[in-house]
Structure formats: C-alpha cells, structure tokens
N, C-alpha and C. Protein backbone atom coordinates (compact mmCIF):
# COMPACT_ATOMS: atom_id res chain seq x y z
N MET A 1 11.33 10.79 54.69
CA MET A 1 12.01 12.00 54.25
C MET A 1 11.08 13.20 54.45
N ILE A 2 11.64 14.30 54.87
CA ILE A 2 10.87 15.50 55.19
C ILE A 2 10.51 16.27 53.92
N THR A 3 9.29 16.80 53.84
CA THR A 3 8.86 17.62 52.72
C THR A 3 9.19 19.08 52.98
N TRP A 4 9.90 19.67 52.05
CA TRP A 4 10.25 21.09 52.10
C TRP A 4 9.45 21.84 51.04
N SER A 5 9.22 23.13 51.26
CA SER A 5 8.47 23.96 50.32
C SER A 5 9.33 25.13 49.85
N VAL A 6 9.17 25.45 48.57
CA VAL A 6 9.73 26.69 48.02
C VAL A 6 8.57 27.68 48.03
N TYR A 7 8.81 28.87 48.61
CA TYR A 7 7.74 29.86 48.70
C TYR A 7 8.23 31.22 48.21
N ILE A 8 7.28 32.05 47.85
CA ILE A 8 7.59 33.41 47.44
C ILE A 8 6.76 34.36 48.30
N LEU A 9 7.41 35.44 48.72
CA LEU A 9 6.70 36.51 49.42
C LEU A 9 6.51 37.65 48.43
N HIS A 10 5.31 38.12 48.31
CA HIS A 10 4.99 39.28 47.46
C HIS A 10 4.79 40.47 48.38
N PHE A 11 5.59 41.52 48.20
CA PHE A 11 5.46 42.73 49.02
C PHE A 11 4.39 43.64 48.42
N ASN A 12 3.50 44.16 49.26
CA ASN A 12 2.43 45.04 48.77
C ASN A 12 2.98 46.29 48.13
N THR A 13 4.11 46.77 48.62
CA THR A 13 4.81 47.93 48.07
C THR A 13 6.27 47.53 47.94
N LYS A 14 6.89 47.88 46.83
CA LYS A 14 8.31 47.54 46.68
C LYS A 14 9.14 48.30 47.71
N TYR A 15 10.18 47.64 48.19
CA TYR A 15 11.17 48.31 49.02
C TYR A 15 12.38 48.51 48.13
N LYS A 16 12.61 49.77 47.76
CA LYS A 16 13.63 50.11 46.77
C LYS A 16 13.35 49.30 45.51
N HIS A 17 14.20 48.36 45.15
CA HIS A 17 13.98 47.57 43.94
C HIS A 17 13.27 46.24 44.22
N ALA A 18 13.19 45.86 45.49
CA ALA A 18 12.71 44.52 45.84
C ALA A 18 11.19 44.47 46.01
N GLY A 19 10.57 43.56 45.28
CA GLY A 19 9.14 43.37 45.40
C GLY A 19 8.78 41.97 45.86
N HIS A 20 9.81 41.11 45.94
CA HIS A 20 9.59 39.71 46.29
C HIS A 20 10.76 39.15 47.09
N TYR A 21 10.48 38.05 47.76
CA TYR A 21 11.52 37.29 48.44
C TYR A 21 11.21 35.82 48.20
N LEU A 22 12.21 35.06 47.80
CA LEU A 22 12.05 33.64 47.54
C LEU A 22 12.82 32.86 48.60
N GLY A 23 12.17 31.86 49.21
CA GLY A 23 12.82 31.10 50.26
C GLY A 23 12.31 29.67 50.32
N ILE A 24 12.88 28.91 51.26
CA ILE A 24 12.44 27.53 51.47
C ILE A 24 12.20 27.31 52.97
N ALA A 25 11.31 26.37 53.26
CA ALA A 25 11.00 26.06 54.66
C ALA A 25 10.29 24.72 54.74
N ILE A 26 10.42 24.09 55.90
CA ILE A 26 9.66 22.86 56.17
C ILE A 26 8.21 23.24 56.47
N ASN A 27 8.04 24.28 57.25
CA ASN A 27 6.71 24.77 57.63
C ASN A 27 6.57 26.20 57.13
N PRO A 28 6.06 26.40 55.90
CA PRO A 28 6.00 27.73 55.32
C PRO A 28 5.16 28.72 56.14
N LEU A 29 4.09 28.27 56.76
CA LEU A 29 3.25 29.18 57.54
C LEU A 29 4.02 29.72 58.74
N GLU A 30 4.73 28.85 59.43
CA GLU A 30 5.52 29.28 60.58
C GLU A 30 6.63 30.24 60.14
N ARG A 31 7.25 29.93 59.00
CA ARG A 31 8.31 30.81 58.48
C ARG A 31 7.73 32.17 58.10
N PHE A 32 6.53 32.18 57.54
CA PHE A 32 5.87 33.44 57.17
C PHE A 32 5.63 34.30 58.42
N LYS A 33 5.20 33.66 59.48
CA LYS A 33 5.00 34.39 60.74
C LYS A 33 6.31 35.03 61.20
N GLN A 34 7.41 34.29 61.06
CA GLN A 34 8.71 34.84 61.45
C GLN A 34 9.06 36.05 60.59
N HIS A 35 8.83 35.94 59.29
CA HIS A 35 9.09 37.08 58.39
C HIS A 35 8.26 38.30 58.81
N CYS A 36 7.00 38.07 59.12
CA CYS A 36 6.09 39.18 59.45
C CYS A 36 6.48 39.93 60.72
N ILE A 37 7.10 39.23 61.66
CA ILE A 37 7.47 39.91 62.91
C ILE A 37 8.95 40.33 62.91
N GLY A 38 9.57 40.28 61.74
CA GLY A 38 10.94 40.77 61.62
C GLY A 38 12.01 39.80 62.04
N GLN A 39 11.71 38.51 62.08
CA GLN A 39 12.70 37.52 62.49
C GLN A 39 13.13 36.62 61.33
N GLY A 40 12.90 37.06 60.11
CA GLY A 40 13.29 36.26 58.95
C GLY A 40 14.56 36.80 58.33
N ALA A 41 14.66 36.69 57.05
CA ALA A 41 15.81 37.18 56.29
C ALA A 41 15.93 38.69 56.45
N ARG A 42 17.12 39.22 56.21
CA ARG A 42 17.37 40.66 56.40
C ARG A 42 16.39 41.51 55.58
N LEU A 43 16.15 41.14 54.34
CA LEU A 43 15.22 41.92 53.51
C LEU A 43 13.83 41.96 54.13
N THR A 44 13.36 40.84 54.62
CA THR A 44 12.01 40.82 55.19
C THR A 44 11.96 41.52 56.54
N GLN A 45 13.09 41.58 57.24
CA GLN A 45 13.15 42.38 58.47
C GLN A 45 12.94 43.85 58.13
N ILE A 46 13.61 44.32 57.09
CA ILE A 46 13.48 45.72 56.67
C ILE A 46 12.06 46.00 56.19
N VAL A 47 11.51 45.09 55.39
CA VAL A 47 10.15 45.26 54.88
C VAL A 47 9.16 45.31 56.05
N SER A 48 9.33 44.42 57.01
CA SER A 48 8.45 44.38 58.18
C SER A 48 8.57 45.65 59.00
N ASN A 49 9.80 46.11 59.21
CA ASN A 49 10.04 47.34 59.99
C ASN A 49 9.45 48.57 59.30
N ASN A 50 9.35 48.54 57.98
CA ASN A 50 8.77 49.65 57.22
C ASN A 50 7.26 49.49 57.04
N LYS A 51 6.67 48.53 57.74
CA LYS A 51 5.22 48.30 57.74
C LYS A 51 4.67 48.01 56.34
N ILE A 52 5.45 47.32 55.54
CA ILE A 52 5.01 46.91 54.21
C ILE A 52 4.38 45.53 54.34
N GLY A 53 3.15 45.39 53.87
CA GLY A 53 2.47 44.11 53.94
C GLY A 53 3.04 43.12 52.94
N MET A 54 2.82 41.85 53.20
CA MET A 54 3.30 40.82 52.28
C MET A 54 2.36 39.62 52.30
N GLN A 55 2.34 38.90 51.18
CA GLN A 55 1.59 37.66 51.06
C GLN A 55 2.56 36.55 50.73
N GLN A 56 2.25 35.35 51.17
CA GLN A 56 3.10 34.20 50.90
C GLN A 56 2.36 33.22 49.99
N TYR A 57 3.08 32.68 49.02
CA TYR A 57 2.54 31.65 48.13
C TYR A 57 3.55 30.51 48.05
N VAL A 58 3.10 29.29 48.25
CA VAL A 58 3.97 28.13 48.09
C VAL A 58 4.02 27.79 46.60
N ILE A 59 5.23 27.76 46.08
CA ILE A 59 5.45 27.52 44.65
C ILE A 59 5.55 26.03 44.35
N SER A 60 6.31 25.31 45.18
CA SER A 60 6.48 23.87 44.96
C SER A 60 6.89 23.18 46.25
N LYS A 61 6.72 21.86 46.28
CA LYS A 61 7.11 21.05 47.42
C LYS A 61 8.00 19.91 46.93
N HIS A 62 9.00 19.57 47.75
CA HIS A 62 9.95 18.53 47.37
C HIS A 62 10.31 17.70 48.59
N LYS A 63 10.69 16.47 48.35
CA LYS A 63 11.19 15.59 49.41
C LYS A 63 12.68 15.88 49.61
N GLY A 64 13.06 16.29 50.79
CA GLY A 64 14.46 16.51 51.11
C GLY A 64 14.94 17.92 50.85
N PHE A 65 15.91 18.33 51.65
CA PHE A 65 16.45 19.68 51.55
C PHE A 65 17.18 19.92 50.24
N SER A 66 17.99 18.96 49.82
CA SER A 66 18.84 19.14 48.65
C SER A 66 18.04 19.48 47.39
N ARG A 67 17.00 18.71 47.12
CA ARG A 67 16.17 18.97 45.92
C ARG A 67 15.48 20.33 46.03
N THR A 68 15.01 20.66 47.22
CA THR A 68 14.32 21.93 47.43
C THR A 68 15.28 23.10 47.23
N HIS A 69 16.47 22.98 47.79
CA HIS A 69 17.47 24.04 47.67
C HIS A 69 17.88 24.23 46.20
N LYS A 70 18.02 23.14 45.46
CA LYS A 70 18.35 23.23 44.04
C LYS A 70 17.25 23.96 43.27
N GLU A 71 15.99 23.65 43.60
CA GLU A 71 14.87 24.33 42.92
C GLU A 71 14.85 25.81 43.26
N GLU A 72 15.11 26.14 44.52
CA GLU A 72 15.16 27.55 44.92
C GLU A 72 16.26 28.29 44.14
N LYS A 73 17.44 27.70 44.07
CA LYS A 73 18.54 28.32 43.33
C LYS A 73 18.20 28.47 41.86
N ARG A 74 17.57 27.45 41.29
CA ARG A 74 17.18 27.51 39.87
C ARG A 74 16.21 28.66 39.62
N LEU A 75 15.21 28.78 40.49
CA LEU A 75 14.22 29.84 40.33
C LEU A 75 14.85 31.22 40.51
N LYS A 76 15.74 31.35 41.46
CA LYS A 76 16.42 32.63 41.66
C LYS A 76 17.29 32.99 40.47
N ARG A 77 17.86 32.00 39.82
CA ARG A 77 18.78 32.24 38.71
C ARG A 77 18.06 32.53 37.40
N VAL A 78 16.97 31.83 37.13
CA VAL A 78 16.37 31.91 35.79
C VAL A 78 15.06 32.70 35.71
N ALA A 79 14.41 32.89 36.82
CA ALA A 79 13.06 33.47 36.75
C ALA A 79 13.02 34.88 37.34
N HIS A 80 12.30 35.75 36.67
CA HIS A 80 11.95 37.02 37.28
C HIS A 80 10.82 36.71 38.27
N PRO A 81 10.89 37.25 39.47
CA PRO A 81 9.86 36.92 40.48
C PRO A 81 8.44 37.16 39.99
N GLU A 82 8.25 38.19 39.17
CA GLU A 82 6.90 38.50 38.68
C GLU A 82 6.33 37.37 37.85
N ARG A 83 7.18 36.57 37.24
CA ARG A 83 6.72 35.47 36.38
C ARG A 83 6.22 34.28 37.18
N ILE A 84 6.70 34.13 38.42
CA ILE A 84 6.28 32.99 39.22
C ILE A 84 5.37 33.37 40.38
N CYS A 85 5.17 34.67 40.59
CA CYS A 85 4.34 35.14 41.70
C CYS A 85 2.86 35.13 41.31
N PRO A 86 2.04 34.34 42.00
CA PRO A 86 0.60 34.30 41.68
C PRO A 86 -0.07 35.67 41.82
N GLU A 87 0.36 36.47 42.77
CA GLU A 87 -0.22 37.80 42.97
C GLU A 87 0.03 38.68 41.75
N CYS A 88 1.26 38.67 41.25
CA CYS A 88 1.60 39.48 40.07
C CYS A 88 0.87 38.98 38.83
N LYS A 89 0.76 37.66 38.70
CA LYS A 89 0.04 37.10 37.55
C LYS A 89 -1.43 37.53 37.58
N MET A 90 -2.02 37.55 38.79
CA MET A 90 -3.42 37.94 38.94
C MET A 90 -3.60 39.41 38.56
N ILE A 91 -2.71 40.27 39.04
CA ILE A 91 -2.78 41.70 38.73
C ILE A 91 -2.61 41.92 37.23
N LYS A 92 -1.64 41.22 36.63
CA LYS A 92 -1.40 41.36 35.20
C LYS A 92 -2.62 40.92 34.39
N SER A 93 -3.26 39.83 34.80
CA SER A 93 -4.47 39.36 34.11
C SER A 93 -5.59 40.37 34.24
N TYR A 94 -5.75 40.93 35.43
CA TYR A 94 -6.79 41.93 35.66
C TYR A 94 -6.56 43.15 34.77
N LEU A 95 -5.32 43.62 34.69
CA LEU A 95 -5.01 44.79 33.87
C LEU A 95 -5.25 44.50 32.39
N LYS A 96 -4.94 43.28 31.97
CA LYS A 96 -5.18 42.91 30.57
C LYS A 96 -6.67 42.91 30.27
N ILE A 97 -7.47 42.34 31.16
CA ILE A 97 -8.93 42.33 30.98
C ILE A 97 -9.46 43.75 30.95
N TRP A 98 -8.98 44.61 31.85
CA TRP A 98 -9.43 46.00 31.91
C TRP A 98 -9.06 46.75 30.63
N ARG A 99 -7.85 46.51 30.11
CA ARG A 99 -7.42 47.19 28.89
C ARG A 99 -8.30 46.79 27.71
N VAL A 100 -8.61 45.49 27.59
CA VAL A 100 -9.48 45.03 26.50
C VAL A 100 -10.86 45.65 26.65
N TYR A 101 -11.40 45.67 27.86
CA TYR A 101 -12.71 46.27 28.11
C TYR A 101 -12.70 47.75 27.74
N TYR A 102 -11.65 48.46 28.17
CA TYR A 102 -11.55 49.90 27.90
C TYR A 102 -11.49 50.16 26.39
N GLU A 103 -10.66 49.38 25.69
CA GLU A 103 -10.51 49.60 24.25
C GLU A 103 -11.81 49.29 23.50
N ASN A 104 -12.60 48.36 23.99
CA ASN A 104 -13.87 48.02 23.34
C ASN A 104 -14.98 49.01 23.68
N ASN A 105 -14.82 49.77 24.76
CA ASN A 105 -15.88 50.66 25.22
C ASN A 105 -15.45 52.12 25.38
N ARG A 106 -14.31 52.50 24.82
CA ARG A 106 -13.80 53.85 25.07
C ARG A 106 -14.66 54.96 24.49
N ASN A 107 -15.45 54.67 23.49
CA ASN A 107 -16.27 55.71 22.88
C ASN A 107 -17.62 55.87 23.57
N GLU A 108 -17.93 54.99 24.51
CA GLU A 108 -19.20 55.07 25.23
C GLU A 108 -19.07 55.99 26.43
N SER A 109 -20.13 56.74 26.67
CA SER A 109 -20.14 57.62 27.83
C SER A 109 -20.42 56.81 29.10
N ILE A 110 -19.79 57.19 30.18
CA ILE A 110 -20.03 56.49 31.44
C ILE A 110 -21.16 57.15 32.23
N PHE A 111 -21.69 58.22 31.71
CA PHE A 111 -22.77 58.94 32.42
C PHE A 111 -24.12 58.67 31.78
C-alpha cells in the first residue's frame, strides 16, 4: 500500500485572508516544487505569481489515499491552520518568550 502525506504550506505573507494551504501527496517534496512554480492548487498559483514565499511541513503520513483524505478533511474542518502549522507555533513561542523577557526587564535601560 502506498504511503500518502498530509502537508501544510505556510505563506510568508498572507494573501488576502489566506496564510496556509493544506493538501495531500504521495511525494510531498515534488508537490511542493509544483506549488512553487505555479502548477499546484489555484491558491498556491496566485501566491507563487505574487512572489510570496512558502514553507512546507508534513503533518502526518498514512497508508492509502482514503485514510489520508479523511485526515485532510478532518484537519480542514476542525483545526485553524495556525494551530497545526509548525512555523506559526514557533513564532508564537518566540513572541511568548520575548514578552516574558520584556516584562521582566522593562525597567532596565538598554544603554
């Protein structure tokens, strides 16, 4: 049975309201290349044409198309992309660390 992957694309800059794209592929790297050159989904064609950078993260892997497609639909239905995107989680963690640091050191001079 073939292994399929559920992946998320994180756009460096939002296009209108869209900051992510969730998809499935047998070969996520090859599919990412297609997205980058404007041969993927319509949204990623627009993002690529507008020179917006993107990163790809594989969220999960499953045996067979059916299970993978069900997981993709579930994630699209129940999850906000920011909650499953490793890039967004990393940025959120960094901002939280910075806020704690700032609040603990706000009275100190930086000079």
